[in-house]
PDB file of N, CA and C in Angstrom:
ATOM      1  N   MET A   1     -29.388  46.515 268.796  1.00  0.00           N
ATOM      2  CA  MET A   1     -30.752  46.352 268.352  1.00  0.00           C
ATOM      3  C   MET A   1     -30.951  44.929 267.851  1.00  0.00           C
ATOM      4  N   ASP A   2     -31.975  44.281 268.270  1.00  0.00           N
ATOM      5  CA  ASP A   2     -32.266  42.924 267.842  1.00  0.00           C
ATOM      6  C   ASP A   2     -32.918  42.948 266.459  1.00  0.00           C
ATOM      7  N   MET A   3     -32.239  42.387 265.501  1.00  0.00           N
ATOM      8  CA  MET A   3     -32.690  42.434 264.110  1.00  0.00           C
ATOM      9  C   MET A   3     -34.023  41.714 263.910  1.00  0.00           C
ATOM     10  N   ARG A   4     -34.215  40.619 264.605  1.00  0.00           N
ATOM     11  CA  ARG A   4     -35.430  39.834 264.399  1.00  0.00           C
ATOM     12  C   ARG A   4     -36.681  40.648 264.798  1.00  0.00           C
ATOM     13  N   GLN A   5     -36.577  41.479 265.789  1.00  0.00           N
ATOM     14  CA  GLN A   5     -37.731  42.256 266.249  1.00  0.00           C
ATOM     15  C   GLN A   5     -37.866  43.577 265.507  1.00  0.00           C
ATOM     16  N   ASN A   6     -36.826  44.051 264.846  1.00  0.00           N
ATOM     17  CA  ASN A   6     -36.835  45.375 264.244  1.00  0.00           C
ATOM     18  C   ASN A   6     -36.484  45.342 262.748  1.00  0.00           C
ATOM     19  N   PHE A   7     -36.758  44.233 262.080  1.00  0.00           N
ATOM     20  CA  PHE A   7     -36.353  44.085 260.695  1.00  0.00           C
ATOM     21  C   PHE A   7     -36.963  45.149 259.794  1.00  0.00           C
ATOM     22  N   GLY A   8     -38.237  45.447 259.981  1.00  0.00           N
ATOM     23  CA  GLY A   8     -38.912  46.469 259.164  1.00  0.00           C
ATOM     24  C   GLY A   8     -38.266  47.826 259.321  1.00  0.00           C
ATOM     25  N   THR A   9     -37.945  48.206 260.554  1.00  0.00           N
ATOM     26  CA  THR A   9     -37.300  49.487 260.813  1.00  0.00           C
ATOM     27  C   THR A   9     -35.923  49.541 260.151  1.00  0.00           C
ATOM     28  N   LEU A  10     -35.174  48.446 260.259  1.00  0.00           N
ATOM     29  CA  LEU A  10     -33.868  48.385 259.652  1.00  0.00           C
ATOM     30  C   LEU A  10     -33.945  48.464 258.122  1.00  0.00           C
ATOM     31  N   LEU A  11     -34.922  47.796 257.546  1.00  0.00           N
ATOM     32  CA  LEU A  11     -35.116  47.867 256.082  1.00  0.00           C
ATOM     33  C   LEU A  11     -35.406  49.288 255.654  1.00  0.00           C
ATOM     34  N   ASN A  12     -36.235  50.001 256.413  1.00  0.00           N
ATOM     35  CA  ASN A  12     -36.531  51.386 256.092  1.00  0.00           C
ATOM     36  C   ASN A  12     -35.287  52.262 256.156  1.00  0.00           C
ATOM     37  N   GLN A  13     -34.443  52.034 257.178  1.00  0.00           N
ATOM     38  CA  GLN A  13     -33.205  52.803 257.269  1.00  0.00           C
ATOM     39  C   GLN A  13     -32.337  52.613 256.054  1.00  0.00           C
ATOM     40  N   VAL A  14     -32.255  51.378 255.590  1.00  0.00           N
ATOM     41  CA  VAL A  14     -31.428  51.050 254.461  1.00  0.00           C
ATOM     42  C   VAL A  14     -32.040  51.585 253.153  1.00  0.00           C
ATOM     43  N   ALA A  15     -33.314  51.347 252.949  1.00  0.00           N
ATOM     44  CA  ALA A  15     -33.953  51.705 251.688  1.00  0.00           C
ATOM     45  C   ALA A  15     -34.197  53.210 251.544  1.00  0.00           C
ATOM     46  N   ILE A  16     -34.687  53.841 252.607  1.00  0.00           N
ATOM     47  CA  ILE A  16     -35.074  55.256 252.524  1.00  0.00           C
ATOM     48  C   ILE A  16     -33.911  56.168 252.784  1.00  0.00           C
ATOM     49  N   LYS A  17     -33.120  55.860 253.814  1.00  0.00           N
ATOM     50  CA  LYS A  17     -32.025  56.751 254.202  1.00  0.00           C
ATOM     51  C   LYS A  17     -30.701  56.357 253.557  1.00  0.00           C
ATOM     52  N   ASP A  18     -30.712  55.255 252.795  1.00  0.00           N
ATOM     53  CA  ASP A  18     -29.501  54.752 252.136  1.00  0.00           C
ATOM     54  C   ASP A  18     -28.376  54.484 253.129  1.00  0.00           C
ATOM     55  N   GLU A  19     -28.748  53.955 254.308  1.00  0.00           N
ATOM     56  CA  GLU A  19     -27.754  53.598 255.301  1.00  0.00           C
ATOM     57  C   GLU A  19     -27.288  52.166 255.060  1.00  0.00           C
ATOM     58  N   GLU A  20     -26.146  51.828 255.612  1.00  0.00           N
ATOM     59  CA  GLU A  20     -25.620  50.470 255.580  1.00  0.00           C
ATOM     60  C   GLU A  20     -25.653  49.913 256.989  1.00  0.00           C
ATOM     61  N   ILE A  21     -26.110  48.692 257.168  1.00  0.00           N
ATOM     62  CA  ILE A  21     -26.200  48.098 258.479  1.00  0.00           C
ATOM     63  C   ILE A  21     -25.368  46.809 258.488  1.00  0.00           C
ATOM     64  N   VAL A  22     -24.504  46.695 259.471  1.00  0.00           N
ATOM     65  CA  VAL A  22     -23.668  45.507 259.631  1.00  0.00           C
ATOM     66  C   VAL A  22     -24.385  44.589 260.628  1.00  0.00           C
ATOM     67  N   ILE A  23     -24.573  43.343 260.228  1.00  0.00           N
ATOM     68  CA  ILE A  23     -25.245  42.357 261.071  1.00  0.00           C
ATOM     69  C   ILE A  23     -24.154  41.569 261.782  1.00  0.00           C
ATOM     70  N   GLU A  24     -24.242  41.517 263.118  1.00  0.00           N
ATOM     71  CA  GLU A  24     -23.244  40.843 263.927  1.00  0.00           C
ATOM     72  C   GLU A  24     -23.864  39.732 264.749  1.00  0.00           C
ATOM     73  N   ARG A  25     -23.057  38.752 265.074  1.00  0.00           N
ATOM     74  CA  ARG A  25     -23.437  37.708 266.031  1.00  0.00           C
ATOM     75  C   ARG A  25     -22.274  37.558 266.999  1.00  0.00           C
ATOM     76  N   ALA A  26     -22.550  37.690 268.269  1.00  0.00           N
ATOM     77  CA  ALA A  26     -21.560  37.622 269.329  1.00  0.00           C
ATOM     78  C   ALA A  26     -20.420  38.618 269.073  1.00  0.00           C
ATOM     79  N   GLY A  27     -20.778  39.792 268.568  1.00  0.00           N
ATOM     80  CA  GLY A  27     -19.812  40.853 268.342  1.00  0.00           C
ATOM     81  C   GLY A  27     -18.962  40.713 267.095  1.00  0.00           C
ATOM     82  N   LYS A  28     -19.216  39.685 266.289  1.00  0.00           N
ATOM     83  CA  LYS A  28     -18.464  39.484 265.054  1.00  0.00           C
ATOM     84  C   LYS A  28     -19.342  39.769 263.839  1.00  0.00           C
ATOM     85  N   PRO A  29     -18.860  40.589 262.905  1.00  0.00           N
ATOM     86  CA  PRO A  29     -19.658  40.901 261.705  1.00  0.00           C
ATOM     87  C   PRO A  29     -19.889  39.681 260.840  1.00  0.00           C
ATOM     88  N   LEU A  30     -21.150  39.488 260.429  1.00  0.00           N
ATOM     89  CA  LEU A  30     -21.503  38.361 259.578  1.00  0.00           C
ATOM     90  C   LEU A  30     -21.924  38.789 258.171  1.00  0.00           C
ATOM     91  N   ALA A  31     -22.642  39.900 258.094  1.00  0.00           N
ATOM     92  CA  ALA A  31     -23.209  40.326 256.801  1.00  0.00           C
ATOM     93  C   ALA A  31     -23.494  41.819 256.851  1.00  0.00           C
ATOM     94  N   ARG A  32     -23.786  42.364 255.665  1.00  0.00           N
ATOM     95  CA  ARG A  32     -24.189  43.770 255.539  1.00  0.00           C
ATOM     96  C   ARG A  32     -25.560  43.845 254.889  1.00  0.00           C
ATOM     97  N   LEU A  33     -26.336  44.769 255.354  1.00  0.00           N
ATOM     98  CA  LEU A  33     -27.641  45.067 254.745  1.00  0.00           C
ATOM     99  C   LEU A  33     -27.475  46.414 254.088  1.00  0.00           C
ATOM    100  N   VAL A  34     -27.538  46.422 252.728  1.00  0.00           N
ATOM    101  CA  VAL A  34     -27.328  47.667 251.980  1.00  0.00           C
ATOM    102  C   VAL A  34     -28.459  47.804 250.963  1.00  0.00           C
ATOM    103  N   SER A  35     -28.699  49.044 250.536  1.00  0.00           N
ATOM    104  CA  SER A  35     -29.744  49.280 249.528  1.00  0.00           C
ATOM    105  C   SER A  35     -29.293  48.712 248.202  1.00  0.00           C
ATOM    106  N   MET A  36     -30.228  48.434 247.346  1.00  0.00           N
ATOM    107  CA  MET A  36     -29.892  47.918 246.021  1.00  0.00           C
ATOM    108  C   MET A  36     -29.079  48.920 245.229  1.00  0.00           C
ATOM    109  N   ASN A  37     -29.314  50.207 245.418  1.00  0.00           N
ATOM    110  CA  ASN A  37     -28.532  51.216 244.699  1.00  0.00           C
ATOM    111  C   ASN A  37     -27.071  51.152 245.109  1.00  0.00           C
ATOM    112  N   SER A  38     -26.799  50.991 246.382  1.00  0.00           N
ATOM    113  CA  SER A  38     -25.422  50.921 246.859  1.00  0.00           C
ATOM    114  C   SER A  38     -24.781  49.598 246.485  1.00  0.00           C
ATOM    115  N   ALA A  39     -25.553  48.531 246.591  1.00  0.00           N
ATOM    116  CA  ALA A  39     -24.993  47.189 246.388  1.00  0.00           C
ATOM    117  C   ALA A  39     -24.590  46.951 244.949  1.00  0.00           C
ATOM    118  N   THR A  40     -25.234  47.574 243.996  1.00  0.00           N
ATOM    119  CA  THR A  40     -24.962  47.241 242.598  1.00  0.00           C
ATOM    120  C   THR A  40     -23.914  48.123 241.975  1.00  0.00           C
ATOM    121  N   SER A  41     -23.489  49.164 242.623  1.00  0.00           N
ATOM    122  CA  SER A  41     -22.486  50.040 241.990  1.00  0.00           C
ATOM    123  C   SER A  41     -21.128  49.358 242.009  1.00  0.00           C
ATOM    124  N   GLY A  42     -20.568  49.162 240.823  1.00  0.00           N
ATOM    125  CA  GLY A  42     -19.254  48.555 240.691  1.00  0.00           C
ATOM    126  C   GLY A  42     -19.219  47.045 240.873  1.00  0.00           C
ATOM    127  N   LYS A  43     -20.357  46.395 240.912  1.00  0.00           N
ATOM    128  CA  LYS A  43     -20.399  44.956 241.130  1.00  0.00           C
ATOM    129  C   LYS A  43     -20.874  44.261 239.864  1.00  0.00           C
ATOM    130  N   LEU A  44     -20.541  42.980 239.755  1.00  0.00           N
ATOM    131  CA  LEU A  44     -21.045  42.188 238.631  1.00  0.00           C
ATOM    132  C   LEU A  44     -22.494  41.815 238.879  1.00  0.00           C
ATOM    133  N   ASP A  45     -23.298  41.835 237.852  1.00  0.00           N
ATOM    134  CA  ASP A  45     -24.699  41.429 237.931  1.00  0.00           C
ATOM    135  C   ASP A  45     -24.816  40.035 237.341  1.00  0.00           C
ATOM    136  N   PHE A  46     -24.923  39.029 238.191  1.00  0.00           N
ATOM    137  CA  PHE A  46     -24.965  37.650 237.732  1.00  0.00           C
ATOM    138  C   PHE A  46     -26.313  37.278 237.118  1.00  0.00           C
ATOM    139  N   ARG A  47     -27.264  38.198 237.134  1.00  0.00           N
ATOM    140  CA  ARG A  47     -28.540  37.899 236.489  1.00  0.00           C
ATOM    141  C   ARG A  47     -28.400  37.906 234.974  1.00  0.00           C
ATOM    142  N   ASP A  48     -27.383  38.577 234.473  1.00  0.00           N
ATOM    143  CA  ASP A  48     -27.130  38.591 233.027  1.00  0.00           C
ATOM    144  C   ASP A  48     -25.758  37.963 232.786  1.00  0.00           C
ATOM    145  N   ILE A  49     -25.698  36.666 232.919  1.00  0.00           N
ATOM    146  CA  ILE A  49     -24.444  35.901 232.872  1.00  0.00           C
ATOM    147  C   ILE A  49     -23.729  36.077 231.540  1.00  0.00           C
ATOM    148  N   GLY A  50     -24.434  36.439 230.480  1.00  0.00           N
ATOM    149  CA  GLY A  50     -23.823  36.616 229.159  1.00  0.00           C
ATOM    150  C   GLY A  50     -22.836  37.754 229.090  1.00  0.00           C
ATOM    151  N   LYS A  51     -22.899  38.686 230.045  1.00  0.00           N
ATOM    152  CA  LYS A  51     -21.961  39.808 230.057  1.00  0.00           C
ATOM    153  C   LYS A  51     -20.624  39.465 230.716  1.00  0.00           C
ATOM    154  N   LEU A  52     -20.516  38.314 231.315  1.00  0.00           N
ATOM    155  CA  LEU A  52     -19.291  37.930 232.010  1.00  0.00           C
ATOM    156  C   LEU A  52     -18.255  37.422 231.020  1.00  0.00           C
ATOM    157  N   PRO A  53     -16.974  37.716 231.268  1.00  0.00           N
ATOM    158  CA  PRO A  53     -15.938  37.172 230.374  1.00  0.00           C
ATOM    159  C   PRO A  53     -15.865  35.651 230.477  1.00  0.00           C
ATOM    160  N   ASN A  54     -15.468  34.998 229.423  1.00  0.00           N
ATOM    161  CA  ASN A  54     -15.411  33.532 229.403  1.00  0.00           C
ATOM    162  C   ASN A  54     -14.438  32.946 230.401  1.00  0.00           C
ATOM    163  N   ASP A  55     -13.369  33.675 230.714  1.00  0.00           N
ATOM    164  CA  ASP A  55     -12.333  33.108 231.588  1.00  0.00           C
ATOM    165  C   ASP A  55     -12.487  33.531 233.055  1.00  0.00           C
ATOM    166  N   ILE A  56     -13.656  33.965 233.454  1.00  0.00           N
ATOM    167  CA  ILE A  56     -13.828  34.480 234.818  1.00  0.00           C
ATOM    168  C   ILE A  56     -13.564  33.427 235.878  1.00  0.00           C
ATOM    169  N   TRP A  57     -13.834  32.152 235.603  1.00  0.00           N
ATOM    170  CA  TRP A  57     -13.687  31.113 236.635  1.00  0.00           C
ATOM    171  C   TRP A  57     -12.337  30.390 236.547  1.00  0.00           C
ATOM    172  N   ASN A  58     -11.452  30.771 235.647  1.00  0.00           N
ATOM    173  CA  ASN A  58     -10.186  30.077 235.486  1.00  0.00           C
ATOM    174  C   ASN A  58      -9.317  30.080 236.749  1.00  0.00           C
ATOM    175  N   GLU A  59      -9.380  31.141 237.528  1.00  0.00           N
ATOM    176  CA  GLU A  59      -8.553  31.236 238.737  1.00  0.00           C
ATOM    177  C   GLU A  59      -9.043  30.351 239.852  1.00  0.00           C
ATOM    178  N   PHE A  60     -10.305  29.882 239.772  1.00  0.00           N
ATOM    179  CA  PHE A  60     -10.852  29.088 240.864  1.00  0.00           C
ATOM    180  C   PHE A  60     -10.676  27.641 240.526  1.00  0.00           C
TER     181      PHE A  60
END
């Protein structure tokens, strides 16, 4: 399915049906389209940077 022509349909699948869509180019996965509910579970929320530990960037 061509994402450029069907973006609205794909967004509905993700938002309403809570599906995950893998975006590929030339058969290689590039990105995932996931609902906000799925995407935020178990992940850091960088919008509230004050909740991050002070040493989070030490390894980089």
